[in-house]
Amino acid sequence: MKENKLWASENRSPTERRQCKLVSKLKKFLIEHDKQDPKNVIVSYKWFHVRVRNGRTFAHVATVNEDGEVQWAEDIGQVSATVKECMAEFEANME
């Protein structure tokens, strides 16, 4: 693997890799579709949370559970319908 410069995450289960992929894609969609500043979109690959910085506070946007489902925060004013549609489409294509 080193010769071909490949990288693999050996310390994560397939479920955790799926969760990380969904968290990363949600961050990408927030930046591209909602025009969020990349430094204001905070993700946790340990807890699989996505937050958006609003000034000095952080607004919780979503959590990806073990089943790979995105659990949106109750107050999701930070997320447009476009991002939700893109995530639903991405989740459907993953399966």
PDB file of N, CA and C in Angstrom:
ATOM      1  N   MET A   1       0.821  -1.196   0.000  1.00  0.00           N
ATOM      2  CA  MET A   1       0.000   0.000   0.000  1.00  0.00           C
ATOM      3  C   MET A   1       0.866   1.261   0.000  1.00  0.00           C
ATOM      4  N   LYS A   2       1.983   1.215   0.707  1.00  0.00           N
ATOM      5  CA  LYS A   2       2.853   2.393   0.741  1.00  0.00           C
ATOM      6  C   LYS A   2       3.468   2.667  -0.622  1.00  0.00           C
ATOM      7  N   GLU A   3       3.815   1.612  -1.347  1.00  0.00           N
ATOM      8  CA  GLU A   3       4.420   1.787  -2.665  1.00  0.00           C
ATOM      9  C   GLU A   3       3.479   2.526  -3.624  1.00  0.00           C
ATOM     10  N   ASN A   4       2.203   2.224  -3.534  1.00  0.00           N
ATOM     11  CA  ASN A   4       1.220   2.840  -4.426  1.00  0.00           C
ATOM     12  C   ASN A   4       0.595   4.103  -3.848  1.00  0.00           C
ATOM     13  N   LYS A   5       1.075   4.501  -2.675  1.00  0.00           N
ATOM     14  CA  LYS A   5       0.589   5.697  -1.980  1.00  0.00           C
ATOM     15  C   LYS A   5      -0.920   5.638  -1.723  1.00  0.00           C
ATOM     16  N   LEU A   6      -1.379   4.452  -1.300  1.00  0.00           N
ATOM     17  CA  LEU A   6      -2.791   4.271  -0.942  1.00  0.00           C
ATOM     18  C   LEU A   6      -2.945   4.446   0.555  1.00  0.00           C
ATOM     19  N   TRP A   7      -4.141   4.806   0.947  1.00  0.00           N
ATOM     20  CA  TRP A   7      -4.420   5.011   2.362  1.00  0.00           C
ATOM     21  C   TRP A   7      -5.704   4.284   2.708  1.00  0.00           C
ATOM     22  N   ALA A   8      -5.733   3.638   3.826  1.00  0.00           N
ATOM     23  CA  ALA A   8      -6.942   2.948   4.276  1.00  0.00           C
ATOM     24  C   ALA A   8      -7.130   3.202   5.757  1.00  0.00           C
ATOM     25  N   SER A   9      -8.365   3.329   6.141  1.00  0.00           N
ATOM     26  CA  SER A   9      -8.689   3.534   7.543  1.00  0.00           C
ATOM     27  C   SER A   9      -8.923   2.167   8.171  1.00  0.00           C
ATOM     28  N   GLU A  10      -7.913   1.653   8.824  1.00  0.00           N
ATOM     29  CA  GLU A  10      -8.005   0.313   9.392  1.00  0.00           C
ATOM     30  C   GLU A  10      -8.676   0.299  10.751  1.00  0.00           C
ATOM     31  N   ASN A  11      -8.744   1.431  11.396  1.00  0.00           N
ATOM     32  CA  ASN A  11      -9.267   1.458  12.756  1.00  0.00           C
ATOM     33  C   ASN A  11     -10.748   1.814  12.818  1.00  0.00           C
ATOM     34  N   ARG A  12     -11.441   1.840  11.694  1.00  0.00           N
ATOM     35  CA  ARG A  12     -12.870   2.148  11.678  1.00  0.00           C
ATOM     36  C   ARG A  12     -13.636   1.001  11.034  1.00  0.00           C
ATOM     37  N   SER A  13     -14.804   0.757  11.585  1.00  0.00           N
ATOM     38  CA  SER A  13     -15.665  -0.276  11.023  1.00  0.00           C
ATOM     39  C   SER A  13     -16.338   0.258   9.756  1.00  0.00           C
ATOM     40  N   PRO A  14     -16.909  -0.608   8.931  1.00  0.00           N
ATOM     41  CA  PRO A  14     -17.627  -0.135   7.747  1.00  0.00           C
ATOM     42  C   PRO A  14     -18.766   0.823   8.095  1.00  0.00           C
ATOM     43  N   THR A  15     -19.416   0.600   9.217  1.00  0.00           N
ATOM     44  CA  THR A  15     -20.498   1.493   9.650  1.00  0.00           C
ATOM     45  C   THR A  15     -19.960   2.885   9.940  1.00  0.00           C
ATOM     46  N   GLU A  16     -18.831   2.945  10.647  1.00  0.00           N
ATOM     47  CA  GLU A  16     -18.231   4.233  10.968  1.00  0.00           C
ATOM     48  C   GLU A  16     -17.730   4.953   9.721  1.00  0.00           C
ATOM     49  N   ARG A  17     -17.188   4.193   8.763  1.00  0.00           N
ATOM     50  CA  ARG A  17     -16.749   4.813   7.511  1.00  0.00           C
ATOM     51  C   ARG A  17     -17.935   5.401   6.751  1.00  0.00           C
ATOM     52  N   ARG A  18     -19.063   4.706   6.791  1.00  0.00           N
ATOM     53  CA  ARG A  18     -20.281   5.213   6.141  1.00  0.00           C
ATOM     54  C   ARG A  18     -20.744   6.500   6.814  1.00  0.00           C
ATOM     55  N   GLN A  19     -20.716   6.521   8.137  1.00  0.00           N
ATOM     56  CA  GLN A  19     -21.113   7.719   8.874  1.00  0.00           C
ATOM     57  C   GLN A  19     -20.188   8.885   8.534  1.00  0.00           C
ATOM     58  N   CYS A  20     -18.894   8.637   8.472  1.00  0.00           N
ATOM     59  CA  CYS A  20     -17.932   9.694   8.128  1.00  0.00           C
ATOM     60  C   CYS A  20     -18.196  10.227   6.728  1.00  0.00           C
ATOM     61  N   LYS A  21     -18.519   9.338   5.813  1.00  0.00           N
ATOM     62  CA  LYS A  21     -18.791   9.748   4.441  1.00  0.00           C
ATOM     63  C   LYS A  21     -20.020  10.656   4.383  1.00  0.00           C
ATOM     64  N   LEU A  22     -21.053  10.310   5.137  1.00  0.00           N
ATOM     65  CA  LEU A  22     -22.264  11.136   5.156  1.00  0.00           C
ATOM     66  C   LEU A  22     -22.005  12.499   5.796  1.00  0.00           C
ATOM     67  N   VAL A  23     -21.238  12.522   6.874  1.00  0.00           N
ATOM     68  CA  VAL A  23     -20.896  13.785   7.530  1.00  0.00           C
ATOM     69  C   VAL A  23     -20.104  14.672   6.575  1.00  0.00           C
ATOM     70  N   SER A  24     -19.141  14.086   5.878  1.00  0.00           N
ATOM     71  CA  SER A  24     -18.331  14.856   4.925  1.00  0.00           C
ATOM     72  C   SER A  24     -19.185  15.407   3.793  1.00  0.00           C
ATOM     73  N   LYS A  25     -20.097  14.594   3.287  1.00  0.00           N
ATOM     74  CA  LYS A  25     -20.952  15.029   2.183  1.00  0.00           C
ATOM     75  C   LYS A  25     -21.892  16.140   2.648  1.00  0.00           C
ATOM     76  N   LEU A  26     -22.395  16.043   3.875  1.00  0.00           N
ATOM     77  CA  LEU A  26     -23.262  17.100   4.402  1.00  0.00           C
ATOM     78  C   LEU A  26     -22.491  18.412   4.509  1.00  0.00           C
ATOM     79  N   LYS A  27     -21.257  18.342   4.969  1.00  0.00           N
ATOM     80  CA  LYS A  27     -20.421  19.547   5.043  1.00  0.00           C
ATOM     81  C   LYS A  27     -20.244  20.144   3.651  1.00  0.00           C
ATOM     82  N   LYS A  28     -19.958  19.297   2.674  1.00  0.00           N
ATOM     83  CA  LYS A  28     -19.764  19.756   1.299  1.00  0.00           C
ATOM     84  C   LYS A  28     -21.021  20.437   0.773  1.00  0.00           C
ATOM     85  N   PHE A  29     -22.185  19.843   1.008  1.00  0.00           N
ATOM     86  CA  PHE A  29     -23.442  20.421   0.529  1.00  0.00           C
ATOM     87  C   PHE A  29     -23.748  21.753   1.209  1.00  0.00           C
ATOM     88  N   LEU A  30     -23.439  21.854   2.502  1.00  0.00           N
ATOM     89  CA  LEU A  30     -23.663  23.125   3.203  1.00  0.00           C
ATOM     90  C   LEU A  30     -22.791  24.227   2.619  1.00  0.00           C
ATOM     91  N   ILE A  31     -21.578  23.885   2.247  1.00  0.00           N
ATOM     92  CA  ILE A  31     -20.659  24.877   1.681  1.00  0.00           C
ATOM     93  C   ILE A  31     -21.080  25.249   0.263  1.00  0.00           C
ATOM     94  N   GLU A  32     -21.405  24.250  -0.549  1.00  0.00           N
ATOM     95  CA  GLU A  32     -21.716  24.508  -1.951  1.00  0.00           C
ATOM     96  C   GLU A  32     -23.107  25.098  -2.170  1.00  0.00           C
ATOM     97  N   HIS A  33     -24.119  24.531  -1.526  1.00  0.00           N
ATOM     98  CA  HIS A  33     -25.498  24.933  -1.804  1.00  0.00           C
ATOM     99  C   HIS A  33     -26.008  26.046  -0.902  1.00  0.00           C
ATOM    100  N   ASP A  34     -25.606  26.032   0.360  1.00  0.00           N
ATOM    101  CA  ASP A  34     -26.055  27.080   1.289  1.00  0.00           C
ATOM    102  C   ASP A  34     -25.058  28.226   1.389  1.00  0.00           C
ATOM    103  N   LYS A  35     -23.962  28.125   0.657  1.00  0.00           N
ATOM    104  CA  LYS A  35     -22.928  29.166   0.617  1.00  0.00           C
ATOM    105  C   LYS A  35     -22.379  29.492   2.005  1.00  0.00           C
ATOM    106  N   GLN A  36     -22.233  28.451   2.833  1.00  0.00           N
ATOM    107  CA  GLN A  36     -21.622  28.627   4.149  1.00  0.00           C
ATOM    108  C   GLN A  36     -20.112  28.762   3.975  1.00  0.00           C
ATOM    109  N   ASP A  37     -19.508  29.576   4.805  1.00  0.00           N
ATOM    110  CA  ASP A  37     -18.050  29.698   4.804  1.00  0.00           C
ATOM    111  C   ASP A  37     -17.469  28.386   5.348  1.00  0.00           C
ATOM    112  N   PRO A  38     -16.517  27.775   4.662  1.00  0.00           N
ATOM    113  CA  PRO A  38     -15.973  26.481   5.115  1.00  0.00           C
ATOM    114  C   PRO A  38     -15.483  26.486   6.558  1.00  0.00           C
ATOM    115  N   LYS A  39     -14.939  27.592   7.020  1.00  0.00           N
ATOM    116  CA  LYS A  39     -14.447  27.609   8.408  1.00  0.00           C
ATOM    117  C   LYS A  39     -15.594  27.654   9.415  1.00  0.00           C
ATOM    118  N   ASN A  40     -16.804  27.950   8.972  1.00  0.00           N
ATOM    119  CA  ASN A  40     -17.952  28.010   9.870  1.00  0.00           C
ATOM    120  C   ASN A  40     -18.739  26.708   9.941  1.00  0.00           C
ATOM    121  N   VAL A  41     -18.389  25.734   9.130  1.00  0.00           N
ATOM    122  CA  VAL A  41     -19.042  24.427   9.180  1.00  0.00           C
ATOM    123  C   VAL A  41     -18.123  23.488   9.950  1.00  0.00           C
ATOM    124  N   ILE A  42     -18.546  23.098  11.131  1.00  0.00           N
ATOM    125  CA  ILE A  42     -17.736  22.291  12.030  1.00  0.00           C
ATOM    126  C   ILE A  42     -18.307  20.875  12.066  1.00  0.00           C
ATOM    127  N   VAL A  43     -17.451  19.886  11.809  1.00  0.00           N
ATOM    128  CA  VAL A  43     -17.897  18.496  11.855  1.00  0.00           C
ATOM    129  C   VAL A  43     -17.086  17.726  12.883  1.00  0.00           C
ATOM    130  N   SER A  44     -17.705  16.731  13.469  1.00  0.00           N
ATOM    131  CA  SER A  44     -17.032  15.841  14.407  1.00  0.00           C
ATOM    132  C   SER A  44     -17.098  14.433  13.834  1.00  0.00           C
ATOM    133  N   TYR A  45     -15.932  13.881  13.511  1.00  0.00           N
ATOM    134  CA  TYR A  45     -15.873  12.519  13.014  1.00  0.00           C
ATOM    135  C   TYR A  45     -15.823  11.509  14.151  1.00  0.00           C
ATOM    136  N   LYS A  46     -15.819  11.995  15.367  1.00  0.00           N
ATOM    137  CA  LYS A  46     -15.885  11.105  16.523  1.00  0.00           C
ATOM    138  C   LYS A  46     -17.336  10.881  16.925  1.00  0.00           C
ATOM    139  N   TRP A  47     -18.121  11.976  16.934  1.00  0.00           N
ATOM    140  CA  TRP A  47     -19.521  11.901  17.345  1.00  0.00           C
ATOM    141  C   TRP A  47     -20.476  11.981  16.163  1.00  0.00           C
ATOM    142  N   PHE A  48     -19.949  12.239  14.958  1.00  0.00           N
ATOM    143  CA  PHE A  48     -20.731  12.321  13.726  1.00  0.00           C
ATOM    144  C   PHE A  48     -21.790  13.425  13.787  1.00  0.00           C
ATOM    145  N   HIS A  49     -21.353  14.595  14.279  1.00  0.00           N
ATOM    146  CA  HIS A  49     -22.197  15.790  14.376  1.00  0.00           C
ATOM    147  C   HIS A  49     -21.764  16.816  13.333  1.00  0.00           C
ATOM    148  N   VAL A  50     -22.720  17.628  12.908  1.00  0.00           N
ATOM    149  CA  VAL A  50     -22.424  18.761  12.033  1.00  0.00           C
ATOM    150  C   VAL A  50     -23.006  19.998  12.695  1.00  0.00           C
ATOM    151  N   ARG A  51     -22.176  21.030  12.816  1.00  0.00           N
ATOM    152  CA  ARG A  51     -22.611  22.287  13.422  1.00  0.00           C
ATOM    153  C   ARG A  51     -22.204  23.437  12.511  1.00  0.00           C
ATOM    154  N   VAL A  52     -22.934  24.539  12.634  1.00  0.00           N
ATOM    155  CA  VAL A  52     -22.628  25.737  11.869  1.00  0.00           C
ATOM    156  C   VAL A  52     -22.403  26.867  12.856  1.00  0.00           C
ATOM    157  N   ARG A  53     -21.331  27.617  12.663  1.00  0.00           N
ATOM    158  CA  ARG A  53     -21.005  28.738  13.538  1.00  0.00           C
ATOM    159  C   ARG A  53     -21.805  29.964  13.101  1.00  0.00           C
ATOM    160  N   ASN A  54     -22.488  30.564  14.049  1.00  0.00           N
ATOM    161  CA  ASN A  54     -23.213  31.814  13.827  1.00  0.00           C
ATOM    162  C   ASN A  54     -22.650  32.845  14.789  1.00  0.00           C
ATOM    163  N   GLY A  55     -21.703  33.617  14.326  1.00  0.00           N
ATOM    164  CA  GLY A  55     -21.067  34.583  15.215  1.00  0.00           C
ATOM    165  C   GLY A  55     -20.260  33.870  16.266  1.00  0.00           C
ATOM    166  N   ARG A  56     -20.697  33.967  17.509  1.00  0.00           N
ATOM    167  CA  ARG A  56     -19.979  33.332  18.612  1.00  0.00           C
ATOM    168  C   ARG A  56     -20.655  32.060  19.099  1.00  0.00           C
ATOM    169  N   THR A  57     -21.747  31.672  18.479  1.00  0.00           N
ATOM    170  CA  THR A  57     -22.457  30.470  18.906  1.00  0.00           C
ATOM    171  C   THR A  57     -22.406  29.406  17.813  1.00  0.00           C
ATOM    172  N   PHE A  58     -22.687  28.176  18.206  1.00  0.00           N
ATOM    173  CA  PHE A  58     -22.739  27.063  17.277  1.00  0.00           C
ATOM    174  C   PHE A  58     -24.167  26.531  17.233  1.00  0.00           C
ATOM    175  N   ALA A  59     -24.687  26.355  16.042  1.00  0.00           N
ATOM    176  CA  ALA A  59     -26.024  25.791  15.875  1.00  0.00           C
ATOM    177  C   ALA A  59     -25.876  24.351  15.400  1.00  0.00           C
ATOM    178  N   HIS A  60     -26.488  23.445  16.122  1.00  0.00           N
ATOM    179  CA  HIS A  60     -26.455  22.037  15.746  1.00  0.00           C
ATOM    180  C   HIS A  60     -27.325  21.848  14.505  1.00  0.00           C
ATOM    181  N   VAL A  61     -26.782  21.196  13.483  1.00  0.00           N
ATOM    182  CA  VAL A  61     -27.508  20.996  12.232  1.00  0.00           C
ATOM    183  C   VAL A  61     -28.019  19.570  12.132  1.00  0.00           C
ATOM    184  N   ALA A  62     -27.131  18.586  12.308  1.00  0.00           N
ATOM    185  CA  ALA A  62     -27.537  17.200  12.130  1.00  0.00           C
ATOM    186  C   ALA A  62     -26.560  16.249  12.809  1.00  0.00           C
ATOM    187  N   THR A  63     -27.052  15.026  13.007  1.00  0.00           N
ATOM    188  CA  THR A  63     -26.248  13.931  13.521  1.00  0.00           C
ATOM    189  C   THR A  63     -26.512  12.729  12.624  1.00  0.00           C
ATOM    190  N   VAL A  64     -25.469  11.971  12.337  1.00  0.00           N
ATOM    191  CA  VAL A  64     -25.631  10.743  11.560  1.00  0.00           C
ATOM    192  C   VAL A  64     -25.590   9.587  12.543  1.00  0.00           C
ATOM    193  N   ASN A  65     -26.680   8.799  12.601  1.00  0.00           N
ATOM    194  CA  ASN A  65     -26.732   7.702  13.563  1.00  0.00           C
ATOM    195  C   ASN A  65     -26.064   6.451  12.999  1.00  0.00           C
ATOM    196  N   GLU A  66     -26.035   5.380  13.777  1.00  0.00           N
ATOM    197  CA  GLU A  66     -25.335   4.160  13.384  1.00  0.00           C
ATOM    198  C   GLU A  66     -25.939   3.489  12.164  1.00  0.00           C
ATOM    199  N   ASP A  67     -27.222   3.729  11.920  1.00  0.00           N
ATOM    200  CA  ASP A  67     -27.887   3.146  10.755  1.00  0.00           C
ATOM    201  C   ASP A  67     -27.585   3.924   9.483  1.00  0.00           C
ATOM    202  N   GLY A  68     -26.853   5.023   9.611  1.00  0.00           N
ATOM    203  CA  GLY A  68     -26.531   5.844   8.459  1.00  0.00           C
ATOM    204  C   GLY A  68     -27.627   6.818   8.091  1.00  0.00           C
ATOM    205  N   GLU A  69     -28.537   7.070   9.021  1.00  0.00           N
ATOM    206  CA  GLU A  69     -29.611   8.024   8.781  1.00  0.00           C
ATOM    207  C   GLU A  69     -29.227   9.381   9.346  1.00  0.00           C
ATOM    208  N   VAL A  70     -29.567  10.422   8.614  1.00  0.00           N
ATOM    209  CA  VAL A  70     -29.292  11.779   9.065  1.00  0.00           C
ATOM    210  C   VAL A  70     -30.446  12.222   9.947  1.00  0.00           C
ATOM    211  N   GLN A  71     -30.127  12.561  11.188  1.00  0.00           N
ATOM    212  CA  GLN A  71     -31.112  13.074  12.131  1.00  0.00           C
ATOM    213  C   GLN A  71     -30.956  14.589  12.175  1.00  0.00           C
ATOM    214  N   TRP A  72     -31.878  15.294  11.548  1.00  0.00           N
ATOM    215  CA  TRP A  72     -31.797  16.757  11.487  1.00  0.00           C
ATOM    216  C   TRP A  72     -32.182  17.352  12.831  1.00  0.00           C
ATOM    217  N   ALA A  73     -31.573  18.456  13.168  1.00  0.00           N
ATOM    218  CA  ALA A  73     -31.908  19.167  14.405  1.00  0.00           C
ATOM    219  C   ALA A  73     -33.317  19.725  14.278  1.00  0.00           C
ATOM    220  N   GLU A  74     -33.976  19.900  15.410  1.00  0.00           N
ATOM    221  CA  GLU A  74     -35.354  20.395  15.375  1.00  0.00           C
ATOM    222  C   GLU A  74     -35.420  21.806  14.818  1.00  0.00           C
ATOM    223  N   ASP A  75     -34.470  22.639  15.178  1.00  0.00           N
ATOM    224  CA  ASP A  75     -34.407  23.997  14.641  1.00  0.00           C
ATOM    225  C   ASP A  75     -33.404  23.993  13.501  1.00  0.00           C
ATOM    226  N   ILE A  76     -33.878  23.688  12.298  1.00  0.00           N
ATOM    227  CA  ILE A  76     -32.967  23.549  11.165  1.00  0.00           C
ATOM    228  C   ILE A  76     -33.073  24.743  10.230  1.00  0.00           C
ATOM    229  N   GLY A  77     -33.150  25.907  10.781  1.00  0.00           N
ATOM    230  CA  GLY A  77     -33.179  27.112   9.970  1.00  0.00           C
ATOM    231  C   GLY A  77     -31.875  27.335   9.218  1.00  0.00           C
ATOM    232  N   GLN A  78     -30.811  26.637   9.625  1.00  0.00           N
ATOM    233  CA  GLN A  78     -29.518  26.791   8.975  1.00  0.00           C
ATOM    234  C   GLN A  78     -29.430  25.990   7.676  1.00  0.00           C
ATOM    235  N   VAL A  79     -30.357  25.074   7.443  1.00  0.00           N
ATOM    236  CA  VAL A  79     -30.272  24.167   6.303  1.00  0.00           C
ATOM    237  C   VAL A  79     -31.410  24.445   5.325  1.00  0.00           C
ATOM    238  N   SER A  80     -31.039  24.587   4.058  1.00  0.00           N
ATOM    239  CA  SER A  80     -32.061  24.822   3.035  1.00  0.00           C
ATOM    240  C   SER A  80     -32.663  23.495   2.581  1.00  0.00           C
ATOM    241  N   ALA A  81     -33.774  23.595   1.880  1.00  0.00           N
ATOM    242  CA  ALA A  81     -34.424  22.410   1.340  1.00  0.00           C
ATOM    243  C   ALA A  81     -33.532  21.733   0.296  1.00  0.00           C
ATOM    244  N   THR A  82     -32.728  22.512  -0.391  1.00  0.00           N
ATOM    245  CA  THR A  82     -31.822  21.968  -1.403  1.00  0.00           C
ATOM    246  C   THR A  82     -30.818  21.005  -0.776  1.00  0.00           C
ATOM    247  N   VAL A  83     -30.265  21.381   0.360  1.00  0.00           N
ATOM    248  CA  VAL A  83     -29.299  20.522   1.044  1.00  0.00           C
ATOM    249  C   VAL A  83     -29.970  19.234   1.491  1.00  0.00           C
ATOM    250  N   LYS A  84     -31.174  19.331   2.018  1.00  0.00           N
ATOM    251  CA  LYS A  84     -31.906  18.142   2.459  1.00  0.00           C
ATOM    252  C   LYS A  84     -32.175  17.206   1.288  1.00  0.00           C
ATOM    253  N   GLU A  85     -32.574  17.770   0.159  1.00  0.00           N
ATOM    254  CA  GLU A  85     -32.840  16.958  -1.031  1.00  0.00           C
ATOM    255  C   GLU A  85     -31.562  16.284  -1.524  1.00  0.00           C
ATOM    256  N   CYS A  86     -30.465  17.018  -1.546  1.00  0.00           N
ATOM    257  CA  CYS A  86     -29.188  16.457  -1.985  1.00  0.00           C
ATOM    258  C   CYS A  86     -28.744  15.319  -1.070  1.00  0.00           C
ATOM    259  N   MET A  87     -28.922  15.500   0.229  1.00  0.00           N
ATOM    260  CA  MET A  87     -28.533  14.445   1.173  1.00  0.00           C
ATOM    261  C   MET A  87     -29.420  13.218   1.004  1.00  0.00           C
ATOM    262  N   ALA A  88     -30.725  13.414   0.803  1.00  0.00           N
ATOM    263  CA  ALA A  88     -31.628  12.285   0.611  1.00  0.00           C
ATOM    264  C   ALA A  88     -31.256  11.511  -0.653  1.00  0.00           C
ATOM    265  N   GLU A  89     -30.922  12.246  -1.704  1.00  0.00           N
ATOM    266  CA  GLU A  89     -30.530  11.607  -2.954  1.00  0.00           C
ATOM    267  C   GLU A  89     -29.214  10.852  -2.792  1.00  0.00           C
ATOM    268  N   PHE A  90     -28.252  11.458  -2.083  1.00  0.00           N
ATOM    269  CA  PHE A  90     -26.961  10.807  -1.855  1.00  0.00           C
ATOM    270  C   PHE A  90     -27.134   9.545  -1.026  1.00  0.00           C
ATOM    271  N   GLU A  91     -27.966   9.603   0.016  1.00  0.00           N
ATOM    272  CA  GLU A  91     -28.200   8.435   0.859  1.00  0.00           C
ATOM    273  C   GLU A  91     -28.834   7.303   0.054  1.00  0.00           C
ATOM    274  N   ALA A  92     -29.788   7.653  -0.828  1.00  0.00           N
ATOM    275  CA  ALA A  92     -30.449   6.638  -1.644  1.00  0.00           C
ATOM    276  C   ALA A  92     -29.463   5.981  -2.611  1.00  0.00           C
ATOM    277  N   ASN A  93     -28.532   6.753  -3.140  1.00  0.00           N
ATOM    278  CA  ASN A  93     -27.556   6.214  -4.087  1.00  0.00           C
ATOM    279  C   ASN A  93     -26.483   5.378  -3.408  1.00  0.00           C
ATOM    280  N   MET A  94     -26.270   5.583  -2.103  1.00  0.00           N
ATOM    281  CA  MET A  94     -25.259   4.812  -1.370  1.00  0.00           C
ATOM    282  C   MET A  94     -25.688   3.363  -1.167  1.00  0.00           C
ATOM    283  N   GLU A  95     -26.975   3.127  -1.086  1.00  0.00           N
ATOM    284  CA  GLU A  95     -27.465   1.785  -0.767  1.00  0.00           C
ATOM    285  C   GLU A  95     -27.578   0.896  -1.954  1.00  0.00           C
TER     286      GLU A  95
END
